[in-house]
């Protein structure tokens, strides 16, 4: 059973393998509102811009503003806006 799951995961993660796993772990924690955007981007090993792009690509939205992370996330959004 474990081997079958591993094969299915390898298929889903594609050629990026562990990098994709890190991204989806970070994205999952971010969407569960357990970590901030900047922490998630760091965990995924991506820049703010790259993490936001991949969130949009896979989940249809980049930033989630909530009560607990609002100040840090707004600062991150402002930094991103200034770099465009």
N, C-alpha and C. Protein backbone atom coordinates (compact mmCIF):
# COMPACT_ATOMS: atom_id res chain seq x y z
N UNK A 1 0.81 -1.20 0.00
CA UNK A 1 0.00 0.00 0.00
C UNK A 1 0.86 1.26 0.00
N UNK A 2 1.89 1.32 0.84
CA UNK A 2 2.75 2.50 0.92
C UNK A 2 3.44 2.76 -0.41
N UNK A 3 3.89 1.72 -1.09
CA UNK A 3 4.56 1.88 -2.38
C UNK A 3 3.59 2.46 -3.41
N UNK A 4 2.34 2.00 -3.37
CA UNK A 4 1.33 2.51 -4.30
C UNK A 4 1.10 4.00 -4.07
N UNK A 5 1.01 4.42 -2.81
CA UNK A 5 0.84 5.84 -2.49
C UNK A 5 2.04 6.65 -2.95
N UNK A 6 3.25 6.13 -2.75
CA UNK A 6 4.45 6.83 -3.17
C UNK A 6 4.44 7.04 -4.68
N UNK A 7 4.05 6.01 -5.42
CA UNK A 7 4.00 6.13 -6.88
C UNK A 7 2.97 7.18 -7.29
N UNK A 8 1.84 7.21 -6.62
CA UNK A 8 0.81 8.21 -6.93
C UNK A 8 1.32 9.61 -6.60
N UNK A 9 2.01 9.76 -5.48
CA UNK A 9 2.58 11.06 -5.12
C UNK A 9 3.63 11.50 -6.12
N UNK A 10 4.49 10.59 -6.52
CA UNK A 10 5.52 10.92 -7.52
C UNK A 10 4.88 11.42 -8.81
N UNK A 11 3.76 10.79 -9.17
CA UNK A 11 3.04 11.18 -10.38
C UNK A 11 2.48 12.59 -10.25
N UNK A 12 1.91 12.89 -9.09
CA UNK A 12 1.31 14.21 -8.85
C UNK A 12 2.38 15.29 -8.75
N UNK A 13 3.47 15.01 -8.05
CA UNK A 13 4.51 16.01 -7.83
C UNK A 13 5.33 16.28 -9.09
N UNK A 14 5.41 15.31 -9.96
CA UNK A 14 6.11 15.49 -11.22
C UNK A 14 7.61 15.59 -11.04
N UNK A 15 8.28 16.17 -12.04
CA UNK A 15 9.74 16.20 -12.04
C UNK A 15 10.36 17.04 -10.92
N UNK A 16 9.59 17.93 -10.34
CA UNK A 16 10.12 18.77 -9.27
C UNK A 16 10.27 18.02 -7.95
N UNK A 17 9.54 16.93 -7.78
CA UNK A 17 9.66 16.07 -6.62
C UNK A 17 9.60 16.79 -5.29
N UNK A 18 10.72 16.78 -4.56
CA UNK A 18 10.78 17.35 -3.21
C UNK A 18 10.47 18.85 -3.21
N UNK A 19 10.88 19.56 -4.25
CA UNK A 19 10.57 21.00 -4.31
C UNK A 19 9.06 21.21 -4.34
N UNK A 20 8.37 20.39 -5.12
CA UNK A 20 6.91 20.50 -5.16
C UNK A 20 6.30 20.13 -3.82
N UNK A 21 6.84 19.11 -3.19
CA UNK A 21 6.33 18.71 -1.88
C UNK A 21 6.49 19.85 -0.88
N UNK A 22 7.63 20.54 -0.90
CA UNK A 22 7.85 21.68 -0.01
C UNK A 22 6.84 22.79 -0.30
N UNK A 23 6.60 23.05 -1.59
CA UNK A 23 5.63 24.09 -1.95
C UNK A 23 4.24 23.74 -1.42
N UNK A 24 3.79 22.51 -1.67
CA UNK A 24 2.44 22.13 -1.26
C UNK A 24 2.30 22.07 0.26
N UNK A 25 3.36 21.69 0.96
CA UNK A 25 3.33 21.74 2.42
C UNK A 25 3.18 23.19 2.89
N UNK A 26 4.00 24.07 2.34
CA UNK A 26 3.94 25.49 2.71
C UNK A 26 2.58 26.09 2.34
N UNK A 27 2.09 25.78 1.14
CA UNK A 27 0.80 26.30 0.71
C UNK A 27 -0.33 25.79 1.61
N UNK A 28 -0.26 24.53 1.98
CA UNK A 28 -1.28 23.96 2.86
C UNK A 28 -1.29 24.64 4.22
N UNK A 29 -0.11 24.85 4.77
CA UNK A 29 -0.02 25.53 6.07
C UNK A 29 -0.50 26.98 5.96
N UNK A 30 -0.15 27.63 4.85
CA UNK A 30 -0.59 29.01 4.63
C UNK A 30 -2.11 29.07 4.49
N UNK A 31 -2.69 28.18 3.67
CA UNK A 31 -4.13 28.17 3.49
C UNK A 31 -4.88 27.77 4.77
N UNK A 32 -4.24 26.99 5.62
CA UNK A 32 -4.85 26.63 6.91
C UNK A 32 -4.65 27.74 7.93
N UNK A 33 -3.98 28.81 7.50
CA UNK A 33 -3.72 29.99 8.34
C UNK A 33 -2.87 29.65 9.56
N UNK A 34 -1.94 28.72 9.35
CA UNK A 34 -1.03 28.34 10.42
C UNK A 34 0.27 29.12 10.36
N UNK A 35 0.62 29.62 9.17
CA UNK A 35 1.84 30.41 8.99
C UNK A 35 1.54 31.59 8.08
N UNK A 36 2.38 32.60 8.15
CA UNK A 36 2.20 33.79 7.33
C UNK A 36 2.68 33.53 5.90
N UNK A 37 2.36 34.46 5.03
CA UNK A 37 2.79 34.36 3.64
C UNK A 37 4.31 34.31 3.54
N UNK A 38 4.98 35.21 4.24
CA UNK A 38 6.45 35.26 4.13
C UNK A 38 7.09 33.98 4.68
N UNK A 39 6.54 33.44 5.76
CA UNK A 39 7.05 32.19 6.30
C UNK A 39 6.82 31.04 5.31
N UNK A 40 5.65 31.01 4.70
CA UNK A 40 5.35 29.96 3.73
C UNK A 40 6.27 30.05 2.52
N UNK A 41 6.50 31.26 2.02
CA UNK A 41 7.39 31.42 0.87
C UNK A 41 8.79 30.93 1.22
N UNK A 42 9.25 31.26 2.40
CA UNK A 42 10.56 30.80 2.85
C UNK A 42 10.61 29.29 2.97
N UNK A 43 9.58 28.70 3.56
CA UNK A 43 9.52 27.24 3.70
C UNK A 43 9.53 26.56 2.34
N UNK A 44 8.89 27.16 1.36
CA UNK A 44 8.85 26.60 0.02
C UNK A 44 10.15 26.83 -0.74
N UNK A 45 11.00 27.71 -0.20
CA UNK A 45 12.25 28.02 -0.88
C UNK A 45 12.05 28.90 -2.11
N UNK A 46 11.02 29.74 -2.06
CA UNK A 46 10.68 30.60 -3.20
C UNK A 46 10.67 32.06 -2.77
N UNK A 47 10.87 32.93 -3.74
CA UNK A 47 10.72 34.37 -3.49
C UNK A 47 9.24 34.66 -3.27
N UNK A 48 8.95 35.86 -2.74
CA UNK A 48 7.55 36.25 -2.55
C UNK A 48 6.79 36.13 -3.87
N UNK A 49 7.40 36.67 -4.94
CA UNK A 49 6.75 36.70 -6.24
C UNK A 49 6.50 35.29 -6.78
N UNK A 50 7.50 34.42 -6.66
CA UNK A 50 7.37 33.05 -7.17
C UNK A 50 6.32 32.28 -6.37
N UNK A 51 6.30 32.47 -5.06
CA UNK A 51 5.32 31.77 -4.23
C UNK A 51 3.91 32.24 -4.56
N UNK A 52 3.73 33.54 -4.70
CA UNK A 52 2.42 34.10 -5.06
C UNK A 52 1.97 33.56 -6.43
N UNK A 53 2.89 33.53 -7.39
CA UNK A 53 2.56 33.04 -8.72
C UNK A 53 2.08 31.59 -8.66
N UNK A 54 2.80 30.75 -7.92
CA UNK A 54 2.42 29.34 -7.83
C UNK A 54 1.11 29.15 -7.06
N UNK A 55 0.88 29.98 -6.04
CA UNK A 55 -0.42 29.91 -5.35
C UNK A 55 -1.55 30.22 -6.33
N UNK A 56 -1.37 31.26 -7.13
CA UNK A 56 -2.38 31.61 -8.13
C UNK A 56 -2.55 30.49 -9.14
N UNK A 57 -1.45 29.91 -9.56
CA UNK A 57 -1.48 28.84 -10.55
C UNK A 57 -2.25 27.62 -10.05
N UNK A 58 -2.00 27.21 -8.82
CA UNK A 58 -2.60 25.99 -8.29
C UNK A 58 -3.89 26.19 -7.52
N UNK A 59 -4.06 27.37 -6.90
CA UNK A 59 -5.22 27.57 -6.03
C UNK A 59 -6.12 28.72 -6.46
N UNK A 60 -5.74 29.45 -7.49
CA UNK A 60 -6.59 30.51 -8.00
C UNK A 60 -6.51 31.83 -7.26
N UNK A 61 -5.68 31.92 -6.22
CA UNK A 61 -5.49 33.18 -5.51
C UNK A 61 -4.12 33.18 -4.85
N UNK A 62 -3.59 34.38 -4.67
CA UNK A 62 -2.25 34.50 -4.13
C UNK A 62 -2.21 34.78 -2.64
N UNK A 63 -2.86 35.84 -2.23
CA UNK A 63 -2.82 36.24 -0.82
C UNK A 63 -4.14 35.95 -0.13
N UNK A 64 -4.06 35.54 1.12
CA UNK A 64 -5.23 35.37 1.96
C UNK A 64 -5.04 36.33 3.14
N UNK A 65 -5.97 37.23 3.29
CA UNK A 65 -5.87 38.18 4.40
C UNK A 65 -6.79 37.69 5.52
N UNK A 66 -6.21 37.47 6.70
CA UNK A 66 -7.02 37.07 7.84
C UNK A 66 -6.55 37.84 9.07
N UNK A 67 -7.27 37.72 10.13
CA UNK A 67 -7.02 38.51 11.33
C UNK A 67 -5.63 38.31 11.91
N UNK A 68 -5.18 37.07 12.00
CA UNK A 68 -3.93 36.80 12.69
C UNK A 68 -2.69 37.22 11.91
N UNK A 69 -2.74 37.13 10.60
CA UNK A 69 -1.56 37.43 9.80
C UNK A 69 -1.70 38.71 8.99
N UNK A 70 -2.73 39.48 9.24
CA UNK A 70 -3.06 40.59 8.38
C UNK A 70 -1.92 41.62 8.26
N UNK A 71 -1.31 42.03 9.32
CA UNK A 71 -0.27 43.05 9.22
C UNK A 71 0.93 42.55 8.41
N UNK A 72 1.42 41.36 8.72
CA UNK A 72 2.56 40.84 7.97
C UNK A 72 2.20 40.59 6.50
N UNK A 73 1.02 40.06 6.25
CA UNK A 73 0.62 39.80 4.88
C UNK A 73 0.43 41.09 4.08
N UNK A 74 -0.11 42.13 4.72
CA UNK A 74 -0.25 43.41 4.02
C UNK A 74 1.10 44.04 3.71
N UNK A 75 2.04 43.90 4.62
CA UNK A 75 3.39 44.40 4.36
C UNK A 75 4.03 43.63 3.21
N UNK A 76 3.84 42.35 3.17
CA UNK A 76 4.35 41.53 2.08
C UNK A 76 3.72 41.92 0.76
N UNK A 77 2.41 42.14 0.76
CA UNK A 77 1.71 42.55 -0.46
C UNK A 77 2.23 43.91 -0.94
N UNK A 78 2.49 44.81 -0.02
CA UNK A 78 3.02 46.13 -0.38
C UNK A 78 4.42 46.00 -0.98
N UNK A 79 5.27 45.15 -0.41
CA UNK A 79 6.61 44.91 -0.96
C UNK A 79 6.50 44.37 -2.37
N UNK A 80 5.60 43.43 -2.57
CA UNK A 80 5.40 42.84 -3.89
C UNK A 80 4.94 43.90 -4.88
N UNK A 81 4.00 44.73 -4.47
CA UNK A 81 3.48 45.78 -5.34
C UNK A 81 4.58 46.76 -5.75
N UNK A 82 5.47 47.09 -4.82
CA UNK A 82 6.55 48.03 -5.09
C UNK A 82 7.58 47.45 -6.07
N UNK A 83 7.71 46.13 -6.10
CA UNK A 83 8.70 45.50 -6.97
C UNK A 83 8.20 45.27 -8.38
N UNK A 84 6.92 45.50 -8.61
CA UNK A 84 6.37 45.27 -9.96
C UNK A 84 6.62 46.43 -10.86
